[in-house]
Protein backbone atom coordinates (compact mmCIF):
# COMPACT_ATOMS: atom_id res chain seq x y z
CA ASN A 1 271.46 -80.62 -16.11
CA ARG A 2 272.62 -83.14 -12.92
CA VAL A 3 270.24 -86.09 -13.91
CA SER A 4 271.70 -85.92 -17.86
CA LYS A 5 275.34 -86.24 -15.97
CA SER A 6 274.45 -88.52 -13.53
CA SER A 7 274.36 -93.00 -13.92
CA TYR A 8 270.99 -94.76 -14.61
CA PHE A 9 269.21 -98.14 -14.08
CA LYS A 10 267.12 -99.56 -16.32
CA LEU A 11 264.71 -103.14 -15.75
CA LYS A 12 263.45 -103.78 -18.90
CA ARG A 13 259.97 -106.38 -19.26
CA CYS A 14 260.77 -108.41 -15.93
CA PHE A 15 259.28 -111.97 -15.41
CA TYR A 16 259.52 -113.84 -12.32
CA VAL A 17 257.81 -117.46 -12.11
CA GLU A 18 258.18 -119.69 -8.45
CA HIS A 19 258.26 -123.09 -8.37
CA VAL A 20 256.14 -124.32 -5.46
CA GLY A 21 256.60 -127.63 -4.06
CA PRO A 22 257.63 -130.11 -1.52
CA TRP A 23 261.28 -129.54 -0.39
CA TRP A 24 262.19 -133.24 -1.77
CA ASP A 25 263.64 -133.38 -4.98
CA LEU A 26 261.74 -136.88 -6.12
CA SER A 27 260.27 -136.60 -9.84
CA SER A 28 258.35 -139.27 -8.89
CA PHE A 29 256.98 -137.90 -5.80
CA ARG A 30 257.39 -134.23 -6.21
CA LYS A 31 253.66 -132.65 -7.94
CA LYS A 32 255.23 -129.44 -9.82
CA TRP A 33 253.30 -126.14 -9.76
CA THR A 34 254.26 -122.79 -10.62
CA ARG A 35 252.93 -119.33 -9.89
CA GLN A 36 253.64 -115.85 -11.44
CA ILE A 37 255.10 -112.87 -8.57
CA LEU A 38 255.91 -110.15 -10.94
CA ASN A 39 254.26 -109.33 -14.84
CA GLN A 40 256.55 -107.12 -17.36
CA VAL A 41 257.79 -105.06 -14.99
CA SER A 42 259.33 -102.11 -16.39
CA PHE A 43 260.78 -99.11 -15.12
CA HIS A 44 264.14 -96.33 -15.11
CA VAL A 45 266.18 -94.39 -12.10
CA TYR A 46 269.07 -91.72 -12.78
CA GLY A 47 271.51 -91.29 -9.92
CA GLY A 48 270.94 -88.52 -7.65
CA LEU A 49 267.13 -88.69 -7.37
CA ILE A 50 265.70 -90.66 -5.01
CA SER A 51 262.60 -92.96 -5.68
CA LEU A 52 259.64 -94.66 -3.55
CA LEU A 53 258.43 -97.66 -4.39
CA LEU A 54 254.85 -98.16 -2.39
CA SER A 55 252.64 -101.08 -2.15
CA LEU A 56 250.91 -103.32 0.97
CA SER A 57 253.01 -105.35 3.10
CA GLN A 58 252.82 -108.48 1.68
CA GLY A 59 251.36 -110.18 -1.82
CA SER A 60 252.34 -106.82 -3.84
CA GLY A 61 256.18 -108.20 -5.42
CA LYS A 62 257.68 -104.96 -4.10
CA THR A 63 260.40 -107.36 -2.30
CA THR A 64 260.24 -109.99 -5.16
CA LEU A 65 261.25 -107.13 -7.30
CA LEU A 66 264.16 -106.08 -5.38
CA ASP A 67 265.69 -109.38 -5.01
CA ALA A 68 265.49 -109.40 -8.62
CA VAL A 69 267.24 -106.48 -9.47
CA ALA A 70 269.74 -107.07 -6.92
CA GLY A 71 270.35 -110.34 -8.10
CA ARG A 72 269.34 -112.09 -4.77
CA ILE A 73 266.60 -114.71 -6.95
CA GLY A 74 267.78 -118.21 -5.90
CA ASN A 75 267.15 -121.56 -7.58
CA SER A 76 263.30 -121.56 -6.87
CA GLY A 77 262.01 -119.90 -9.62
CA LYS A 78 262.80 -118.63 -13.41
CA LEU A 79 263.44 -114.80 -13.64
CA LEU A 80 263.06 -113.12 -17.35
CA GLY A 81 263.76 -109.72 -18.27
CA GLU A 82 266.69 -107.74 -18.48
CA ILE A 83 269.00 -105.09 -16.28
CA TYR A 84 270.55 -102.33 -17.55
CA VAL A 85 273.31 -99.70 -15.86
CA ASN A 86 274.67 -96.92 -17.85
CA GLY A 87 273.55 -98.49 -21.16
CA GLY A 88 274.68 -101.89 -21.14
CA LYS A 89 273.18 -104.46 -20.01
CA LEU A 90 274.31 -106.77 -17.17
CA LYS A 91 275.03 -110.69 -17.42
CA ALA A 92 273.74 -112.34 -14.40
CA GLU A 93 276.77 -113.05 -12.72
CA GLN A 94 277.57 -108.97 -12.53
CA VAL A 95 274.06 -108.09 -11.13
CA GLN A 96 275.78 -108.65 -7.52
CA ASP A 97 279.06 -106.42 -8.26
CA CYS A 98 276.49 -103.14 -8.94
CA PHE A 99 273.35 -103.73 -6.74
CA SER A 100 273.55 -104.44 -2.64
CA TYR A 101 270.65 -104.62 -0.77
CA VAL A 102 269.47 -103.19 2.59
CA LEU A 103 266.60 -105.30 4.78
CA GLN A 104 264.66 -104.33 7.32
CA SER A 105 266.06 -105.91 10.70
CA ASP A 106 269.25 -104.94 12.51
CA ASN A 107 271.04 -107.82 13.67
CA LEU A 108 274.53 -106.38 14.17
CA LEU A 109 276.99 -107.81 16.66
CA SER A 110 275.57 -106.19 20.31
CA TYR A 111 278.94 -105.94 21.83
CA LEU A 112 281.20 -104.22 18.58
CA THR A 113 281.51 -100.57 18.71
CA VAL A 114 280.20 -98.75 15.82
CA GLU A 115 283.89 -97.95 14.59
CA GLU A 116 284.79 -101.34 15.35
CA THR A 117 282.19 -102.56 13.35
CA LEU A 118 283.05 -100.80 10.02
CA THR A 119 286.38 -101.89 10.24
CA TYR A 120 286.15 -105.38 11.13
CA THR A 121 284.35 -105.48 7.53
CA ALA A 122 286.55 -102.86 5.96
CA GLN A 123 289.84 -105.51 6.60
CA LEU A 124 288.37 -108.00 4.81
CA SER A 125 288.25 -106.45 1.39
CA LEU A 126 290.99 -103.59 2.06
CA ARG A 127 293.66 -106.00 2.59
CA LYS A 128 296.53 -104.32 0.74
CA HIS A 129 295.48 -100.89 2.38
CA SER A 130 297.39 -100.00 5.82
CA SER A 131 295.79 -99.49 9.22
CA GLU A 132 295.52 -96.07 8.76
CA ALA A 133 293.88 -96.05 5.13
CA ILE A 134 291.56 -98.47 6.97
CA ARG A 135 291.26 -95.68 9.69
CA LYS A 136 290.45 -92.64 7.23
CA LYS A 137 288.11 -94.21 5.29
CA VAL A 138 286.05 -95.34 7.92
CA ALA A 139 286.15 -92.22 9.65
CA ALA A 140 285.07 -91.00 6.24
CA VAL A 141 281.87 -92.87 6.26
CA MET A 142 280.72 -92.12 9.91
CA ALA A 143 281.59 -88.76 9.31
CA GLU A 144 279.01 -88.98 6.15
CA LEU A 145 276.23 -91.01 8.37
CA SER A 146 276.90 -88.62 11.04
CA LEU A 147 278.33 -91.84 13.28
CA GLY A 148 280.97 -90.14 14.58
CA HIS A 149 279.94 -88.84 17.79
CA VAL A 150 279.09 -92.41 18.16
CA ALA A 151 282.13 -94.10 17.06
CA HIS A 152 283.43 -95.87 20.17
CA SER A 153 279.03 -96.51 21.63
CA VAL A 154 278.53 -100.51 21.70
CA ILE A 155 276.00 -100.96 19.25
CA GLY A 156 273.59 -103.08 21.52
CA GLY A 157 270.99 -105.51 21.36
CA ARG A 158 267.53 -106.85 22.64
CA ILE A 159 269.35 -107.21 26.37
CA PHE A 160 271.22 -104.28 27.03
CA PRO A 161 270.77 -100.58 25.48
CA GLY A 162 273.70 -99.53 23.26
CA ILE A 163 273.01 -96.77 20.04
CA SER A 164 269.46 -95.52 19.41
CA VAL A 165 267.14 -97.43 16.78
CA GLY A 166 267.85 -94.84 14.02
CA GLU A 167 271.63 -94.42 15.12
CA ARG A 168 271.73 -98.49 14.47
CA ARG A 169 269.61 -98.07 11.42
CA ARG A 170 272.54 -95.52 9.90
CA VAL A 171 275.38 -98.61 10.93
CA SER A 172 273.56 -100.60 8.32
CA ILE A 173 272.41 -98.38 5.83
CA ALA A 174 275.72 -96.23 4.68
CA LYS A 175 276.33 -95.42 1.68
CA VAL A 176 273.13 -97.17 -0.12
CA ILE A 177 270.95 -98.29 -2.63
CA LEU A 178 268.33 -100.42 -2.55
CA LEU A 179 266.55 -100.21 0.93
CA ASP A 180 263.24 -102.88 1.95
CA GLU A 181 261.11 -100.99 4.48
CA PRO A 182 264.11 -99.26 6.12
CA THR A 183 261.82 -97.32 8.29
CA THR A 184 260.33 -100.76 9.85
CA GLY A 185 260.28 -100.10 13.32
CA LEU A 186 260.99 -96.56 13.77
CA ASP A 187 258.76 -94.02 15.27
CA SER A 188 257.63 -91.23 13.32
CA MET A 189 260.16 -88.73 13.67
CA THR A 190 263.22 -91.04 13.54
CA ALA A 191 261.56 -92.84 10.14
CA ASN A 192 261.71 -88.92 8.65
CA GLN A 193 264.86 -88.89 9.69
CA ILE A 194 266.17 -92.15 7.72
CA VAL A 195 264.13 -90.56 4.68
CA VAL A 196 265.82 -87.45 4.94
CA LEU A 197 269.71 -88.58 5.36
CA LEU A 198 268.58 -91.44 2.47
CA ALA A 199 267.85 -88.06 0.26
CA ASP A 200 271.16 -86.42 1.15
CA LEU A 201 273.05 -89.82 -0.16
CA ALA A 202 270.75 -89.64 -3.47
CA ARG A 203 272.03 -85.88 -3.97
CA ARG A 204 275.69 -87.12 -4.04
CA ASP A 205 274.24 -89.30 -7.44
CA PRO A 206 274.35 -92.90 -6.06
CA ILE A 207 271.00 -94.59 -6.99
CA VAL A 208 268.50 -94.56 -3.98
CA ILE A 209 265.41 -97.25 -4.62
CA VAL A 210 263.25 -97.47 -0.89
CA THR A 211 260.20 -99.44 -0.07
CA ILE A 212 258.46 -98.00 2.59
CA HIS A 213 254.69 -99.22 3.98
CA GLN A 214 253.17 -95.88 5.64
CA PRO A 215 255.78 -92.29 4.82
CA ARG A 216 254.83 -89.03 6.28
CA SER A 217 251.96 -87.28 3.82
CA GLU A 218 255.15 -84.06 3.62
CA LEU A 219 257.48 -86.56 2.15
CA PHE A 220 254.82 -86.74 -0.71
CA ARG A 221 256.64 -83.92 -2.98
CA GLN A 222 259.64 -82.57 -1.30
CA ILE A 223 261.58 -86.07 -0.79
CA PHE A 224 261.02 -88.59 -3.20
CA ASN A 225 261.68 -87.82 -7.01
CA ARG A 226 259.73 -90.62 -8.95
CA ILE A 227 257.34 -92.97 -6.86
CA ALA A 228 256.20 -96.61 -8.21
CA ILE A 229 252.87 -98.75 -6.64
CA MET A 230 252.80 -102.39 -7.41
CA SER A 231 249.84 -104.02 -6.68
CA ARG A 232 249.69 -108.31 -7.26
CA GLY A 233 253.36 -108.28 -9.26
CA GLU A 234 252.71 -105.59 -11.82
CA LEU A 235 253.28 -102.01 -11.40
CA VAL A 236 250.48 -99.65 -11.56
CA PHE A 237 252.11 -96.39 -11.58
CA CYS A 238 255.88 -95.46 -12.09
CA GLY A 239 256.35 -91.29 -12.62
CA LYS A 240 256.73 -87.88 -10.43
CA PRO A 241 254.53 -87.23 -7.33
CA GLU A 242 252.95 -84.23 -9.65
CA GLU A 243 252.30 -86.83 -12.57
CA MET A 244 250.75 -89.13 -10.49
CA VAL A 245 248.21 -87.23 -8.59
CA ASP A 246 247.48 -85.56 -12.36
CA PHE A 247 246.86 -89.72 -14.07
CA PHE A 248 244.54 -90.80 -10.80
CA SER A 249 242.65 -87.56 -10.80
CA SER A 250 242.45 -88.04 -14.89
CA CYS A 251 240.82 -91.96 -13.56
CA GLY A 252 238.34 -90.35 -11.98
CA TYR A 253 240.07 -91.05 -8.05
CA GLU A 254 240.98 -87.48 -6.48
CA CYS A 255 242.87 -87.41 -3.62
CA PRO A 256 240.50 -85.62 -0.86
CA GLU A 257 241.75 -82.52 0.86
CA TYR A 258 243.56 -83.65 4.10
CA CYS A 259 244.11 -87.21 3.05
CA ASN A 260 247.40 -88.87 2.78
CA PRO A 261 248.75 -89.30 -0.94
CA PHE A 262 250.30 -92.38 0.14
CA ASP A 263 247.72 -93.79 2.18
CA PHE A 264 244.98 -92.72 -0.82
CA TYR A 265 246.95 -94.29 -4.02
CA VAL A 266 248.08 -97.22 -2.47
CA GLU A 267 244.51 -97.93 -0.71
CA LEU A 268 242.87 -97.43 -4.63
CA THR A 269 244.99 -99.88 -5.96
CA SER A 270 245.27 -103.03 -3.61
CA VAL A 271 242.82 -106.06 -3.25
CA ASP A 272 240.85 -106.72 -1.16
CA ARG A 273 240.43 -110.57 -0.23
CA ARG A 274 238.30 -110.22 2.81
CA CYS A 275 235.33 -111.81 0.28
CA SER A 276 235.20 -112.52 -3.02
CA GLU A 277 232.64 -109.81 -3.63
CA ARG A 278 235.18 -107.23 -2.95
CA GLU A 279 237.81 -109.08 -3.90
CA ALA A 280 236.41 -109.20 -7.62
CA ALA A 281 235.62 -105.20 -7.50
CA THR A 282 239.19 -104.08 -6.02
CA TYR A 283 241.07 -106.23 -8.55
CA SER A 284 238.49 -105.54 -11.68
CA ARG A 285 239.61 -101.10 -10.31
CA MET A 286 243.49 -102.56 -10.14
CA HIS A 287 243.28 -103.78 -13.55
CA ASP A 288 241.24 -100.59 -15.11
CA ILE A 289 244.00 -98.45 -13.48
CA THR A 290 247.05 -100.77 -15.06
CA SER A 291 245.34 -100.54 -18.37
CA ALA A 292 245.09 -96.83 -18.12
CA TYR A 293 248.77 -96.42 -17.47
CA GLN A 294 249.83 -98.37 -19.43
CA SER A 295 248.11 -96.47 -22.38
CA SER A 296 249.01 -93.33 -21.04
CA GLU A 297 251.76 -91.05 -21.94
CA ILE A 298 253.95 -91.27 -18.74
CA TYR A 299 253.65 -95.19 -19.34
CA LYS A 300 254.94 -94.58 -23.26
CA SER A 301 257.56 -92.07 -22.34
CA MET A 302 259.28 -94.20 -20.03
CA LEU A 303 259.38 -97.52 -22.79
CA GLY A 304 260.87 -95.01 -25.23
CA LYS A 305 263.64 -93.61 -22.51
CA ILE A 306 264.73 -97.18 -22.13
CA GLY A 307 264.87 -98.11 -25.72
CA GLN A 308 266.78 -94.83 -26.24
CA SER A 309 269.29 -95.92 -23.12
CA CYS A 310 269.72 -99.33 -24.30
CA GLN A 311 270.84 -98.23 -28.19
CA ARG A 312 273.47 -95.98 -26.17
CA ALA A 313 276.22 -96.45 -23.91
CA ASP A 314 277.20 -92.58 -22.78
CA LYS A 315 278.12 -93.51 -19.27
CA PRO A 316 281.50 -95.34 -18.54
CA MET A 317 280.15 -99.24 -17.39
CA ILE A 318 281.10 -101.07 -14.27
CA PRO A 319 285.06 -102.54 -13.80
CA PHE A 320 283.36 -105.51 -12.39
CA ARG A 321 285.69 -107.48 -10.28
CA THR A 322 287.60 -110.43 -11.87
CA HIS A 323 285.63 -113.91 -10.57
CA SER A 324 288.78 -115.81 -10.05
CA LEU A 325 290.81 -116.42 -6.36
CA PRO A 326 294.80 -116.64 -6.53
CA ASN A 327 295.26 -117.84 -3.15
CA GLU A 328 292.51 -119.37 -1.77
CA THR A 329 294.10 -120.91 0.93
CA LEU A 330 295.86 -117.64 2.29
CA PHE A 331 291.90 -115.92 1.18
CA MET A 332 290.44 -118.57 4.12
CA TYR A 333 293.25 -117.72 6.34
CA PHE A 334 292.47 -114.31 6.19
CA LEU A 335 288.92 -114.42 6.69
CA LEU A 336 288.64 -117.10 9.09
CA SER A 337 291.10 -115.08 11.18
CA ASP A 338 289.60 -111.73 10.60
CA THR A 339 285.93 -113.44 11.86
CA HIS A 340 287.74 -115.36 14.56
CA ARG A 341 288.83 -111.89 16.38
CA ARG A 342 285.76 -110.47 15.57
CA THR A 343 283.58 -113.23 17.27
CA VAL A 344 286.05 -113.51 20.04
CA ARG A 345 286.64 -110.36 21.09
CA ASN A 346 282.32 -109.45 20.81
CA MET A 347 282.28 -112.84 23.20
CA SER A 348 284.13 -111.41 25.49
CA ARG A 349 282.12 -108.57 26.69
CA ASP A 350 279.38 -110.41 27.00
CA ARG A 351 280.09 -110.79 30.99
CA MET A 352 276.48 -113.37 31.40
CA GLY A 353 277.71 -115.68 28.97
CA ILE A 354 281.23 -116.00 30.51
CA LEU A 355 279.53 -116.27 33.67
CA MET A 356 277.28 -118.98 32.67
CA ARG A 357 279.65 -120.72 30.73
CA LEU A 358 282.26 -121.20 33.97
CA SER A 359 279.18 -122.25 35.82
CA GLN A 360 277.83 -125.18 33.57
CA ASN A 361 281.54 -126.09 33.17
CA LEU A 362 282.18 -125.92 37.45
CA ILE A 363 278.85 -127.83 38.13
CA TYR A 364 279.72 -130.55 34.99
CA GLY A 365 283.27 -131.05 37.07
CA LEU A 366 280.89 -131.10 40.85
CA PHE A 367 279.37 -134.04 39.19
CA ILE A 368 282.08 -135.77 37.67
CA ALA A 369 283.91 -135.30 40.78
CA PHE A 370 281.15 -136.57 43.22
CA PHE A 371 280.50 -139.71 41.02
CA LEU A 372 284.15 -140.69 41.17
CA MET A 373 284.45 -140.65 45.34
CA LYS A 374 281.39 -142.73 44.88
CA LEU A 375 283.46 -145.32 42.96
CA ASP A 376 282.83 -148.95 44.37
CA GLU A 377 286.50 -151.62 43.79
CA ASP A 378 284.43 -154.23 44.13
CA VAL A 379 283.50 -156.26 40.61
CA THR A 380 280.33 -157.80 42.13
CA LYS A 381 278.80 -154.36 43.33
CA GLY A 382 278.99 -152.93 39.93
CA ALA A 383 282.10 -150.97 39.50
CA VAL A 384 282.19 -152.12 35.74
CA GLN A 385 279.15 -150.29 35.33
CA ASP A 386 279.65 -147.48 37.29
CA ARG A 387 283.15 -146.66 35.44
CA ILE A 388 281.27 -147.22 32.23
CA GLY A 389 278.24 -144.97 33.09
CA ILE A 390 281.74 -143.10 34.11
CA ILE A 391 283.12 -142.83 30.53
CA TYR A 392 279.72 -142.82 28.96
CA GLN A 393 279.19 -139.21 30.96
CA SER A 394 282.28 -137.96 30.29
CA MET A 395 281.77 -138.42 26.45
CA GLY A 396 278.38 -137.92 25.86
CA ALA A 397 278.01 -134.67 28.14
CA SER A 398 280.71 -132.52 26.52
CA PRO A 399 279.12 -132.66 22.87
CA TYR A 400 275.38 -131.43 24.58
CA THR A 401 277.93 -128.35 26.62
CA GLY A 402 278.68 -127.65 23.29
CA MET A 403 275.92 -127.83 21.75
CA LEU A 404 274.49 -125.48 24.48
CA ASN A 405 276.78 -122.72 23.88
CA ALA A 406 275.85 -122.99 19.92
CA VAL A 407 272.37 -122.13 20.61
CA ALA A 408 273.49 -119.16 22.55
CA LEU A 409 275.46 -118.10 19.56
CA CYS A 410 273.34 -119.00 16.54
CA GLU A 411 272.55 -115.13 16.77
CA TYR A 412 276.19 -114.56 15.78
CA LEU A 413 276.90 -117.68 14.03
CA ILE A 414 273.83 -117.90 11.12
CA HIS A 415 274.50 -114.30 10.02
CA SER A 416 278.07 -114.85 9.83
CA ILE A 417 278.47 -117.68 7.81
CA TYR A 418 275.01 -119.04 6.62
CA LEU A 419 273.37 -115.97 5.40
CA GLN A 420 274.05 -113.76 2.74
CA TYR A 421 276.75 -111.05 2.48
CA ILE A 422 279.87 -111.03 4.02
CA TYR A 423 281.95 -108.24 2.75
CA LEU A 424 282.44 -104.35 3.06
CA ARG A 425 284.14 -102.39 0.73
CA LEU A 426 285.71 -98.87 1.41
CA LEU A 427 286.58 -97.60 -1.77
CA CYS A 428 288.48 -93.88 -1.82
CA GLN A 429 285.89 -91.27 -2.00
CA ASN A 430 283.15 -93.41 -3.44
CA THR A 431 282.66 -95.21 -0.54
CA TYR A 432 279.85 -97.91 -0.13
CA MET A 433 279.66 -101.45 1.17
CA CYS A 434 278.78 -104.35 -0.09
CA TYR A 435 278.05 -108.14 0.91
CA MET A 436 278.67 -111.39 -1.04
CA PRO A 437 276.00 -113.97 -0.64
CA ASP A 438 277.35 -117.00 1.44
CA VAL A 439 280.81 -117.67 2.35
CA VAL A 440 281.49 -120.07 -0.65
CA ASN A 441 280.62 -117.63 -3.11
CA ALA A 442 283.06 -115.27 -1.83
CA LEU A 443 285.89 -117.59 -2.17
CA ARG A 444 284.90 -118.82 -5.63
CA HIS A 445 284.08 -115.13 -6.74
CA CYS A 446 286.02 -112.56 -4.93
CA GLY A 447 289.62 -111.73 -6.20
CA GLY A 448 292.24 -110.52 -4.27
CA SER A 449 292.62 -107.54 -6.66
CA LYS A 450 291.12 -103.81 -5.82
CA VAL A 451 288.59 -102.57 -8.09
CA ARG A 452 288.47 -98.39 -8.59
CA HIS A 453 285.17 -97.46 -9.30
CA ASP A 454 284.26 -93.72 -10.78
CA ILE A 455 282.27 -91.20 -8.65
CA ASN A 456 279.81 -91.60 -11.66
CA THR A 457 278.99 -95.30 -11.11
CA VAL A 458 275.89 -97.15 -9.76
CA GLN A 459 276.77 -97.91 -6.25
CA PHE A 460 274.66 -100.09 -3.05
CA LEU A 461 275.21 -100.91 0.24
CA ALA A 462 274.42 -104.74 1.24
CA GLN A 463 273.24 -105.23 4.58
CA THR A 464 271.55 -108.74 5.88
CA ASP A 465 269.92 -108.96 9.06
CA GLN A 466 273.98 -108.94 10.49
CA PHE A 467 276.43 -106.79 9.50
CA MET A 468 278.92 -108.77 9.23
CA SER A 469 282.05 -109.19 7.40
């Protein structure tokens, strides 16, 4: 049985309560209140399978659930629950070592090629590998994702075209696991190709969890091995596609012929907030379905499997990173040098940006020259005031010019420094990509030691709004 040989992941009784209130932290002026987003969510996923998390676009809790699984919950709330991988319970600091996240958007550096994007990210984590070894690993990733034919094509962006939307999405995905709406913004055919690609990746043993708004009906039985439906922070159903059909039929909600099962079941379990009467009726229906699921054999069987797996660890645990940094100064040098080279290369290909910067400096120099030509030597005619004005303009305008350049580069800098994830780790045949939450965590937690991962280890690809290492 292939599943029995695969890695597995289990989430047990997950609760998440978020603190809501003003941004300031003065206890005498701050009014505190809380809201519960996740309520007793439990499920398990095996390696080699692709699982779908289904719900409405907002307010269901699916993104919060993925954040909880991937260790992306900040200090704004309190998360209760247990996460098990291969039968071993994960500590809070270990979660990000084995889970990663692919967000909806693809904000890659526009002027870098696909190969350069992967190479620069690989260089940060594969310090002890030769350039030839890094090149081979990057080539293996591109071959796995069918990106070899666009290896030397620029990513492109909003201003100028580059690779296609589907190819850009594949650059973000690489070898992956948690994906928050990966088909958002794609046409039907491209979205279907992305899902099929994920299914192919899942067959190689990693765990893949995907959230999609409106999947095509033919994917119901052909692609997804497990389907979970969330509503109002609760797990309404989690099981196989055929179990879903039987379960809802037993509840009196049989899917009509020629109707997309995804649309029908999501609408059935959603809460309509257009008026109080609709909200009360739909909430009551959703609550009845949830209660029926929690008393069903499907739910009891899942809890039994979770309990059994928590008591035994028949798979090797993940060899987590050593959370120490032998030489922080050297690591910071490599980090800044690599990111600087990448940013300079990206900026050097932006012809319009270079022309604009040269033009503004030229115009600024002409203004200063014009003022110098009009200076008067007579103190009684304002010579001192004129020179004070020149000094003020010379010293005051330069920072503003730099600020304008920073605004132009904001798309790159905000994602490369302040947002999450800076690392891509490419490891042997089991290549995967993982980013740290921010630069500080990278310096504190990510040591220089190599980590070898067994092929049965749960692997995840993380990608944030910018594919930066």
